[in-house]
């Protein structure tokens, strides 16, 4: 989701990506309305209260719908956290691009706000960021097992330790024979077993958090790497 780490893609009439040009024209969006980019999409202002999220690469089957469903599930318990969540209003495929129309969230990317913040205001902002990250687990997500929740989730288990062992086995096999002597059971033996599953975002950093002044206003980019 939005960061200001690079310039907007060229999307004028002679631009290099005509599929984005088609999408912007369809919605009457000016390329100058670009708000930012992330690992998956470019985001443009769509009026004052909505944004247009344009995937840069063809989305995997079901991935866009899965994200919309996850955000709808989390929104049901949004009153438990002190920040706003993304909300998908609609989604569609236009040409070879998937797009979502989403509620526009308050604030600016925290990494930008941090550059301007000093002293006690900066300290309060950072404390708010840590508190926001800690509160994500208060969001309600109804899953019976621990593990991956993405659209192509592969690994889950009835206990957290069992999930970690499966995950370690998968990663060690992918890493090759140099790691064959590592015993996954010993690797996970000392991990505490939680009393119940809760959501883990796994990509919380200032580029995925919005802020205004000293306040955290939103956490974004709940994606397929969440557990």
C-alpha atoms as a PDB file:
ATOM      1  CA  UNK A   1       0.000   0.000   0.000  1.00  0.00           C
ATOM      2  CA  UNK A   2       1.000   3.630  -0.360  1.00  0.00           C
ATOM      3  CA  UNK A   3       4.582   4.681   0.143  1.00  0.00           C
ATOM      4  CA  UNK A   4       6.437   7.643  -1.331  1.00  0.00           C
ATOM      5  CA  UNK A   5       9.701   5.812  -1.970  1.00  0.00           C
ATOM      6  CA  UNK A   6       9.561   6.125  -5.754  1.00  0.00           C
ATOM      7  CA  UNK A   7       7.942   8.192  -8.455  1.00  0.00           C
ATOM      8  CA  UNK A   8       4.571   7.437 -10.031  1.00  0.00           C
ATOM      9  CA  UNK A   9       4.507   5.216 -13.084  1.00  0.00           C
ATOM     10  CA  UNK A  10       4.386   7.007 -16.458  1.00  0.00           C
ATOM     11  CA  UNK A  11       0.761   6.785 -17.514  1.00  0.00           C
ATOM     12  CA  UNK A  12       0.227   9.500 -20.137  1.00  0.00           C
ATOM     13  CA  UNK A  13      -0.988   8.758 -23.649  1.00  0.00           C
ATOM     14  CA  UNK A  14       2.503   7.760 -24.725  1.00  0.00           C
ATOM     15  CA  UNK A  15       3.278   5.951 -21.505  1.00  0.00           C
ATOM     16  CA  UNK A  16       4.772   2.502 -21.180  1.00  0.00           C
ATOM     17  CA  UNK A  17       1.743   0.866 -19.588  1.00  0.00           C
ATOM     18  CA  UNK A  18      -1.429   1.283 -21.606  1.00  0.00           C
ATOM     19  CA  UNK A  19      -3.426  -1.027 -19.342  1.00  0.00           C
ATOM     20  CA  UNK A  20      -3.074   1.456 -16.466  1.00  0.00           C
ATOM     21  CA  UNK A  21      -3.998   4.261 -18.867  1.00  0.00           C
ATOM     22  CA  UNK A  22      -7.189   2.354 -19.732  1.00  0.00           C
ATOM     23  CA  UNK A  23      -8.110   1.911 -16.071  1.00  0.00           C
ATOM     24  CA  UNK A  24      -7.523   5.571 -15.193  1.00  0.00           C
ATOM     25  CA  UNK A  25      -9.554   6.733 -18.181  1.00  0.00           C
ATOM     26  CA  UNK A  26     -12.405   4.406 -17.243  1.00  0.00           C
ATOM     27  CA  UNK A  27     -12.654   6.023 -13.820  1.00  0.00           C
ATOM     28  CA  UNK A  28     -11.848   9.582 -14.891  1.00  0.00           C
ATOM     29  CA  UNK A  29      -8.713   9.640 -12.738  1.00  0.00           C
ATOM     30  CA  UNK A  30      -5.824  11.972 -13.531  1.00  0.00           C
ATOM     31  CA  UNK A  31      -2.339  10.394 -13.240  1.00  0.00           C
ATOM     32  CA  UNK A  32      -1.446  13.292 -10.921  1.00  0.00           C
ATOM     33  CA  UNK A  33      -3.947  11.876  -8.416  1.00  0.00           C
ATOM     34  CA  UNK A  34      -1.413   9.149  -7.609  1.00  0.00           C
ATOM     35  CA  UNK A  35      -1.100   8.710  -3.829  1.00  0.00           C
ATOM     36  CA  UNK A  36       1.568   6.050  -3.591  1.00  0.00           C
ATOM     37  CA  UNK A  37       2.681   2.516  -4.345  1.00  0.00           C
ATOM     38  CA  UNK A  38       3.419  -0.738  -2.574  1.00  0.00           C
ATOM     39  CA  UNK A  39       4.542  -4.213  -3.472  1.00  0.00           C
ATOM     40  CA  UNK A  40       1.314  -5.091  -5.279  1.00  0.00           C
ATOM     41  CA  UNK A  41      -0.517  -1.984  -6.439  1.00  0.00           C
ATOM     42  CA  UNK A  42      -0.549   1.705  -7.270  1.00  0.00           C
ATOM     43  CA  UNK A  43      -3.097   3.842  -5.442  1.00  0.00           C
ATOM     44  CA  UNK A  44      -4.906   6.893  -6.839  1.00  0.00           C
ATOM     45  CA  UNK A  45      -7.347   9.323  -5.244  1.00  0.00           C
ATOM     46  CA  UNK A  46     -10.915   8.766  -6.433  1.00  0.00           C
ATOM     47  CA  UNK A  47     -12.583  11.881  -5.083  1.00  0.00           C
ATOM     48  CA  UNK A  48     -12.207  12.911  -1.456  1.00  0.00           C
ATOM     49  CA  UNK A  49     -13.504   9.740   0.209  1.00  0.00           C
ATOM     50  CA  UNK A  50     -12.376   6.834  -1.993  1.00  0.00           C
ATOM     51  CA  UNK A  51      -9.222   5.468  -3.620  1.00  0.00           C
ATOM     52  CA  UNK A  52      -8.597   3.382  -6.725  1.00  0.00           C
ATOM     53  CA  UNK A  53      -6.124   0.554  -6.131  1.00  0.00           C
ATOM     54  CA  UNK A  54      -4.635  -0.784  -9.408  1.00  0.00           C
ATOM     55  CA  UNK A  55      -2.693  -4.039  -9.296  1.00  0.00           C
ATOM     56  CA  UNK A  56       0.530  -3.793 -11.270  1.00  0.00           C
ATOM     57  CA  UNK A  57       0.724  -7.522 -12.024  1.00  0.00           C
ATOM     58  CA  UNK A  58      -2.106  -9.925 -12.880  1.00  0.00           C
ATOM     59  CA  UNK A  59      -3.596 -11.042  -9.560  1.00  0.00           C
ATOM     60  CA  UNK A  60      -3.717 -14.739  -8.758  1.00  0.00           C
ATOM     61  CA  UNK A  61      -7.201 -16.254  -9.122  1.00  0.00           C
ATOM     62  CA  UNK A  62      -9.284 -15.412  -6.076  1.00  0.00           C
ATOM     63  CA  UNK A  63      -6.655 -13.192  -4.424  1.00  0.00           C
ATOM     64  CA  UNK A  64      -8.572  -9.914  -4.796  1.00  0.00           C
ATOM     65  CA  UNK A  65     -11.825 -11.441  -3.560  1.00  0.00           C
ATOM     66  CA  UNK A  66      -9.984 -13.117  -0.669  1.00  0.00           C
ATOM     67  CA  UNK A  67      -8.528  -9.779   0.445  1.00  0.00           C
ATOM     68  CA  UNK A  68     -11.939  -8.100   0.269  1.00  0.00           C
ATOM     69  CA  UNK A  69     -13.473 -10.881   2.386  1.00  0.00           C
ATOM     70  CA  UNK A  70     -10.650 -10.709   4.956  1.00  0.00           C
ATOM     71  CA  UNK A  71     -11.010  -6.942   5.346  1.00  0.00           C
ATOM     72  CA  UNK A  72     -14.790  -7.279   5.718  1.00  0.00           C
ATOM     73  CA  UNK A  73     -14.244  -9.875   8.455  1.00  0.00           C
ATOM     74  CA  UNK A  74     -11.800  -7.611  10.288  1.00  0.00           C
ATOM     75  CA  UNK A  75     -14.035  -4.542   9.947  1.00  0.00           C
ATOM     76  CA  UNK A  76     -16.662  -6.283  12.088  1.00  0.00           C
ATOM     77  CA  UNK A  77     -14.336  -5.878  15.101  1.00  0.00           C
ATOM     78  CA  UNK A  78     -12.740  -2.571  14.071  1.00  0.00           C
ATOM     79  CA  UNK A  79     -14.032  -0.879  17.234  1.00  0.00           C
ATOM     80  CA  UNK A  80     -11.465  -2.910  19.198  1.00  0.00           C
ATOM     81  CA  UNK A  81      -8.479  -1.052  17.716  1.00  0.00           C
ATOM     82  CA  UNK A  82      -7.552   2.663  17.862  1.00  0.00           C
ATOM     83  CA  UNK A  83      -7.060   3.065  14.111  1.00  0.00           C
ATOM     84  CA  UNK A  84      -8.972   2.717  10.849  1.00  0.00           C
ATOM     85  CA  UNK A  85      -8.815  -0.325   8.571  1.00  0.00           C
ATOM     86  CA  UNK A  86      -8.977  -0.594   4.774  1.00  0.00           C
ATOM     87  CA  UNK A  87     -12.423  -1.366   3.412  1.00  0.00           C
ATOM     88  CA  UNK A  88     -13.106  -2.677  -0.091  1.00  0.00           C
ATOM     89  CA  UNK A  89     -16.220  -1.133  -1.636  1.00  0.00           C
ATOM     90  CA  UNK A  90     -16.001  -2.941  -4.970  1.00  0.00           C
ATOM     91  CA  UNK A  91     -13.551  -4.828  -7.175  1.00  0.00           C
ATOM     92  CA  UNK A  92     -13.370  -5.758 -10.849  1.00  0.00           C
ATOM     93  CA  UNK A  93     -11.082  -6.871 -13.646  1.00  0.00           C
ATOM     94  CA  UNK A  94     -10.463  -4.331 -16.410  1.00  0.00           C
ATOM     95  CA  UNK A  95      -8.414  -5.712 -19.266  1.00  0.00           C
ATOM     96  CA  UNK A  96      -5.485  -7.525 -17.659  1.00  0.00           C
ATOM     97  CA  UNK A  97      -5.681  -5.452 -14.457  1.00  0.00           C
ATOM     98  CA  UNK A  98      -7.541  -6.068 -11.238  1.00  0.00           C
ATOM     99  CA  UNK A  99      -8.734  -2.986  -9.390  1.00  0.00           C
ATOM    100  CA  UNK A 100     -10.402  -2.319  -6.077  1.00  0.00           C
ATOM    101  CA  UNK A 101     -12.302   0.760  -4.990  1.00  0.00           C
ATOM    102  CA  UNK A 102     -11.698   1.377  -1.307  1.00  0.00           C
ATOM    103  CA  UNK A 103     -12.586   3.838   1.402  1.00  0.00           C
ATOM    104  CA  UNK A 104      -9.982   6.592   1.649  1.00  0.00           C
ATOM    105  CA  UNK A 105      -8.288   6.438   5.025  1.00  0.00           C
ATOM    106  CA  UNK A 106      -7.213   9.473   7.055  1.00  0.00           C
ATOM    107  CA  UNK A 107      -3.581  10.461   7.419  1.00  0.00           C
ATOM    108  CA  UNK A 108      -0.313  10.204   5.528  1.00  0.00           C
ATOM    109  CA  UNK A 109       2.275   7.449   5.384  1.00  0.00           C
ATOM    110  CA  UNK A 110       3.976   7.368   8.786  1.00  0.00           C
ATOM    111  CA  UNK A 111       7.471   7.259   7.286  1.00  0.00           C
ATOM    112  CA  UNK A 112       6.787  10.710   5.777  1.00  0.00           C
ATOM    113  CA  UNK A 113       5.359  12.065   9.040  1.00  0.00           C
ATOM    114  CA  UNK A 114       8.400  10.780  10.962  1.00  0.00           C
ATOM    115  CA  UNK A 115      10.736  12.812   8.752  1.00  0.00           C
ATOM    116  CA  UNK A 116       8.946  15.974   9.866  1.00  0.00           C
ATOM    117  CA  UNK A 117       8.488  15.062  13.531  1.00  0.00           C
ATOM    118  CA  UNK A 118      10.910  15.906  16.352  1.00  0.00           C
ATOM    119  CA  UNK A 119      11.211  15.800  20.118  1.00  0.00           C
ATOM    120  CA  UNK A 120       8.199  14.859  22.238  1.00  0.00           C
ATOM    121  CA  UNK A 121       5.883  14.728  19.203  1.00  0.00           C
ATOM    122  CA  UNK A 122       8.099  12.157  17.509  1.00  0.00           C
ATOM    123  CA  UNK A 123       8.288  10.087  20.700  1.00  0.00           C
ATOM    124  CA  UNK A 124       4.496  10.112  21.050  1.00  0.00           C
ATOM    125  CA  UNK A 125       4.096   9.072  17.421  1.00  0.00           C
ATOM    126  CA  UNK A 126       6.498   6.139  17.832  1.00  0.00           C
ATOM    127  CA  UNK A 127       4.766   5.030  21.048  1.00  0.00           C
ATOM    128  CA  UNK A 128       1.428   5.169  19.253  1.00  0.00           C
ATOM    129  CA  UNK A 129       2.875   3.068  16.440  1.00  0.00           C
ATOM    130  CA  UNK A 130       4.028   0.372  18.884  1.00  0.00           C
ATOM    131  CA  UNK A 131       0.651   0.388  20.658  1.00  0.00           C
ATOM    132  CA  UNK A 132      -1.180   0.099  17.339  1.00  0.00           C
ATOM    133  CA  UNK A 133       0.980  -2.860  16.289  1.00  0.00           C
ATOM    134  CA  UNK A 134       0.345  -4.588  19.623  1.00  0.00           C
ATOM    135  CA  UNK A 135      -3.426  -4.123  19.320  1.00  0.00           C
ATOM    136  CA  UNK A 136      -3.781  -5.836  15.930  1.00  0.00           C
ATOM    137  CA  UNK A 137      -4.249  -9.140  17.747  1.00  0.00           C
ATOM    138  CA  UNK A 138      -7.481  -7.736  19.226  1.00  0.00           C
ATOM    139  CA  UNK A 139      -9.148  -7.941  15.814  1.00  0.00           C
ATOM    140  CA  UNK A 140     -11.424 -10.956  15.578  1.00  0.00           C
ATOM    141  CA  UNK A 141     -10.683 -13.554  12.921  1.00  0.00           C
ATOM    142  CA  UNK A 142     -12.558 -16.847  13.010  1.00  0.00           C
ATOM    143  CA  UNK A 143     -10.142 -19.676  12.274  1.00  0.00           C
ATOM    144  CA  UNK A 144     -10.011 -23.081  13.920  1.00  0.00           C
ATOM    145  CA  UNK A 145      -6.293 -23.685  13.300  1.00  0.00           C
ATOM    146  CA  UNK A 146      -2.994 -21.840  13.477  1.00  0.00           C
ATOM    147  CA  UNK A 147      -1.223 -21.011  10.246  1.00  0.00           C
ATOM    148  CA  UNK A 148      -1.359 -19.314   6.884  1.00  0.00           C
ATOM    149  CA  UNK A 149      -4.595 -17.533   5.970  1.00  0.00           C
ATOM    150  CA  UNK A 150      -3.774 -16.330   2.456  1.00  0.00           C
ATOM    151  CA  UNK A 151      -5.721 -17.312  -0.670  1.00  0.00           C
ATOM    152  CA  UNK A 152      -3.249 -20.133  -1.325  1.00  0.00           C
ATOM    153  CA  UNK A 153      -2.641 -21.105   2.294  1.00  0.00           C
ATOM    154  CA  UNK A 154      -0.608 -24.297   2.480  1.00  0.00           C
ATOM    155  CA  UNK A 155       0.313 -24.873   6.102  1.00  0.00           C
ATOM    156  CA  UNK A 156      -1.906 -25.022   9.183  1.00  0.00           C
ATOM    157  CA  UNK A 157      -2.180 -27.141  12.327  1.00  0.00           C
ATOM    158  CA  UNK A 158      -4.353 -27.479  15.439  1.00  0.00           C
ATOM    159  CA  UNK A 159      -1.550 -26.166  17.717  1.00  0.00           C
ATOM    160  CA  UNK A 160       0.936 -23.348  17.262  1.00  0.00           C
ATOM    161  CA  UNK A 161       3.942 -25.608  17.849  1.00  0.00           C
ATOM    162  CA  UNK A 162       2.682 -28.078  15.277  1.00  0.00           C
ATOM    163  CA  UNK A 163       2.287 -25.245  12.783  1.00  0.00           C
ATOM    164  CA  UNK A 164       5.839 -24.021  13.461  1.00  0.00           C
ATOM    165  CA  UNK A 165       7.190 -27.534  12.964  1.00  0.00           C
ATOM    166  CA  UNK A 166       5.398 -27.858   9.624  1.00  0.00           C
ATOM    167  CA  UNK A 167       6.619 -24.423   8.568  1.00  0.00           C
ATOM    168  CA  UNK A 168      10.210 -25.259   9.615  1.00  0.00           C
ATOM    169  CA  UNK A 169      10.087 -28.535   7.674  1.00  0.00           C
ATOM    170  CA  UNK A 170       8.821 -26.741   4.580  1.00  0.00           C
ATOM    171  CA  UNK A 171      11.496 -24.023   4.768  1.00  0.00           C
ATOM    172  CA  UNK A 172      14.342 -26.440   5.554  1.00  0.00           C
ATOM    173  CA  UNK A 173      13.451 -28.652   2.606  1.00  0.00           C
ATOM    174  CA  UNK A 174      13.377 -25.594   0.353  1.00  0.00           C
ATOM    175  CA  UNK A 175      16.769 -24.475   1.730  1.00  0.00           C
ATOM    176  CA  UNK A 176      18.491 -27.632   0.522  1.00  0.00           C
ATOM    177  CA  UNK A 177      20.731 -30.380   1.917  1.00  0.00           C
ATOM    178  CA  UNK A 178      23.025 -28.023   3.845  1.00  0.00           C
ATOM    179  CA  UNK A 179      20.249 -27.714   6.450  1.00  0.00           C
ATOM    180  CA  UNK A 180      19.239 -31.390   6.565  1.00  0.00           C
ATOM    181  CA  UNK A 181      20.735 -31.947  10.042  1.00  0.00           C
ATOM    182  CA  UNK A 182      18.446 -29.395  11.710  1.00  0.00           C
ATOM    183  CA  UNK A 183      15.682 -31.085  13.689  1.00  0.00           C
ATOM    184  CA  UNK A 184      12.444 -29.045  13.426  1.00  0.00           C
ATOM    185  CA  UNK A 185      11.089 -30.603  16.627  1.00  0.00           C
ATOM    186  CA  UNK A 186      14.029 -29.274  18.655  1.00  0.00           C
ATOM    187  CA  UNK A 187      13.800 -25.956  16.855  1.00  0.00           C
ATOM    188  CA  UNK A 188      10.223 -25.323  18.035  1.00  0.00           C
ATOM    189  CA  UNK A 189      10.250 -27.175  21.380  1.00  0.00           C
ATOM    190  CA  UNK A 190      10.677 -24.085  23.569  1.00  0.00           C
ATOM    191  CA  UNK A 191       8.048 -21.924  21.888  1.00  0.00           C
ATOM    192  CA  UNK A 192       5.128 -21.230  24.245  1.00  0.00           C
ATOM    193  CA  UNK A 193       1.703 -22.492  23.208  1.00  0.00           C
ATOM    194  CA  UNK A 194      -0.886 -19.669  23.041  1.00  0.00           C
ATOM    195  CA  UNK A 195      -4.333 -20.129  24.535  1.00  0.00           C
ATOM    196  CA  UNK A 196      -6.086 -19.254  21.264  1.00  0.00           C
ATOM    197  CA  UNK A 197      -5.251 -18.109  17.722  1.00  0.00           C
ATOM    198  CA  UNK A 198      -5.128 -14.400  16.903  1.00  0.00           C
ATOM    199  CA  UNK A 199      -4.256 -12.378  13.821  1.00  0.00           C
ATOM    200  CA  UNK A 200      -0.605 -11.585  13.054  1.00  0.00           C
ATOM    201  CA  UNK A 201      -0.163  -8.914  10.342  1.00  0.00           C
ATOM    202  CA  UNK A 202       3.530  -9.747   9.591  1.00  0.00           C
ATOM    203  CA  UNK A 203       4.137  -6.572   7.555  1.00  0.00           C
ATOM    204  CA  UNK A 204       3.682  -3.715  10.040  1.00  0.00           C
ATOM    205  CA  UNK A 205       6.255  -0.990   9.428  1.00  0.00           C
ATOM    206  CA  UNK A 206       5.989   2.805   8.973  1.00  0.00           C
ATOM    207  CA  UNK A 207       5.267   2.388   5.251  1.00  0.00           C
ATOM    208  CA  UNK A 208       2.090   0.437   6.073  1.00  0.00           C
ATOM    209  CA  UNK A 209       0.841   2.791   8.788  1.00  0.00           C
ATOM    210  CA  UNK A 210      -0.882   6.170   8.332  1.00  0.00           C
ATOM    211  CA  UNK A 211      -0.583   9.052  10.779  1.00  0.00           C
ATOM    212  CA  UNK A 212      -1.673  12.641  11.387  1.00  0.00           C
ATOM    213  CA  UNK A 213       0.487  14.716  13.696  1.00  0.00           C
ATOM    214  CA  UNK A 214       1.132  12.568  16.770  1.00  0.00           C
ATOM    215  CA  UNK A 215      -1.698  10.092  16.106  1.00  0.00           C
ATOM    216  CA  UNK A 216      -1.754   6.760  14.264  1.00  0.00           C
ATOM    217  CA  UNK A 217      -4.833   6.884  12.045  1.00  0.00           C
ATOM    218  CA  UNK A 218      -4.769   3.635  10.040  1.00  0.00           C
ATOM    219  CA  UNK A 219      -2.965   0.343   9.461  1.00  0.00           C
ATOM    220  CA  UNK A 220      -3.003  -0.946   5.888  1.00  0.00           C
ATOM    221  CA  UNK A 221      -1.794  -3.803   3.685  1.00  0.00           C
ATOM    222  CA  UNK A 222      -3.355  -6.772   5.470  1.00  0.00           C
ATOM    223  CA  UNK A 223      -2.177  -9.295   2.917  1.00  0.00           C
ATOM    224  CA  UNK A 224      -1.501 -12.928   2.064  1.00  0.00           C
ATOM    225  CA  UNK A 225       1.493 -13.272   4.400  1.00  0.00           C
ATOM    226  CA  UNK A 226      -0.716 -12.754   7.460  1.00  0.00           C
ATOM    227  CA  UNK A 227      -1.041 -15.633   9.953  1.00  0.00           C
END
